[in-house]
């Protein structure tokens, strides 16, 4: 038996032209674009949920 999935839900997302380049420009060393997006979504959810 393998380890449990931590990223089980997936959804395609479309961004305005240039958005991914802007994200890439601000990533820190060895940071992945997907990690940046996940963290941004979690921050916004917490803000909207009042946490």
Protein backbone atom coordinates (compact mmCIF):
# COMPACT_ATOMS: atom_id res chain seq x y z
CA UNK A 1 0.00 0.00 0.00
CA UNK A 2 1.39 3.41 -0.99
CA UNK A 3 1.14 6.70 0.78
CA UNK A 4 -2.18 8.58 0.71
CA UNK A 5 -2.70 11.15 -2.03
CA UNK A 6 -2.31 14.71 -0.86
CA UNK A 7 -3.36 16.41 -4.07
CA UNK A 8 -6.37 14.38 -5.11
CA UNK A 9 -8.52 17.09 -6.62
CA UNK A 10 -7.54 18.65 -9.91
CA UNK A 11 -9.01 21.39 -12.04
CA UNK A 12 -7.70 23.08 -15.12
CA UNK A 13 -7.34 26.83 -14.74
CA UNK A 14 -6.98 29.52 -17.35
CA UNK A 15 -5.12 32.74 -16.66
CA UNK A 16 -4.90 36.01 -18.51
CA UNK A 17 -1.99 36.33 -20.91
CA UNK A 18 1.22 37.06 -19.05
CA UNK A 19 0.04 35.83 -15.63
CA UNK A 20 2.20 32.72 -15.59
CA UNK A 21 5.25 34.74 -16.63
CA UNK A 22 4.55 37.16 -13.76
CA UNK A 23 4.32 34.25 -11.32
CA UNK A 24 7.54 32.73 -12.66
CA UNK A 25 9.31 36.07 -12.23
CA UNK A 26 8.62 36.15 -8.47
CA UNK A 27 9.25 32.50 -7.57
CA UNK A 28 12.02 31.89 -5.07
CA UNK A 29 14.82 29.40 -5.68
CA UNK A 30 13.46 25.89 -6.26
CA UNK A 31 9.85 27.05 -5.65
CA UNK A 32 7.36 25.46 -8.01
CA UNK A 33 4.64 27.39 -9.79
CA UNK A 34 2.03 24.91 -8.56
CA UNK A 35 3.11 25.46 -4.94
CA UNK A 36 2.80 29.22 -5.40
CA UNK A 37 -0.73 28.88 -6.82
CA UNK A 38 -1.83 26.47 -4.07
CA UNK A 39 -0.55 28.82 -1.35
CA UNK A 40 -2.24 31.82 -2.98
CA UNK A 41 -5.56 29.97 -3.12
CA UNK A 42 -5.27 28.88 0.53
CA UNK A 43 -4.55 32.49 1.62
CA UNK A 44 -7.54 33.81 -0.29
CA UNK A 45 -9.84 31.10 1.07
CA UNK A 46 -8.75 31.87 4.62
CA UNK A 47 -9.34 35.59 4.01
CA UNK A 48 -12.82 35.03 2.61
CA UNK A 49 -13.75 32.51 5.28
CA UNK A 50 -12.69 35.00 7.94
CA UNK A 51 -9.88 32.91 9.39
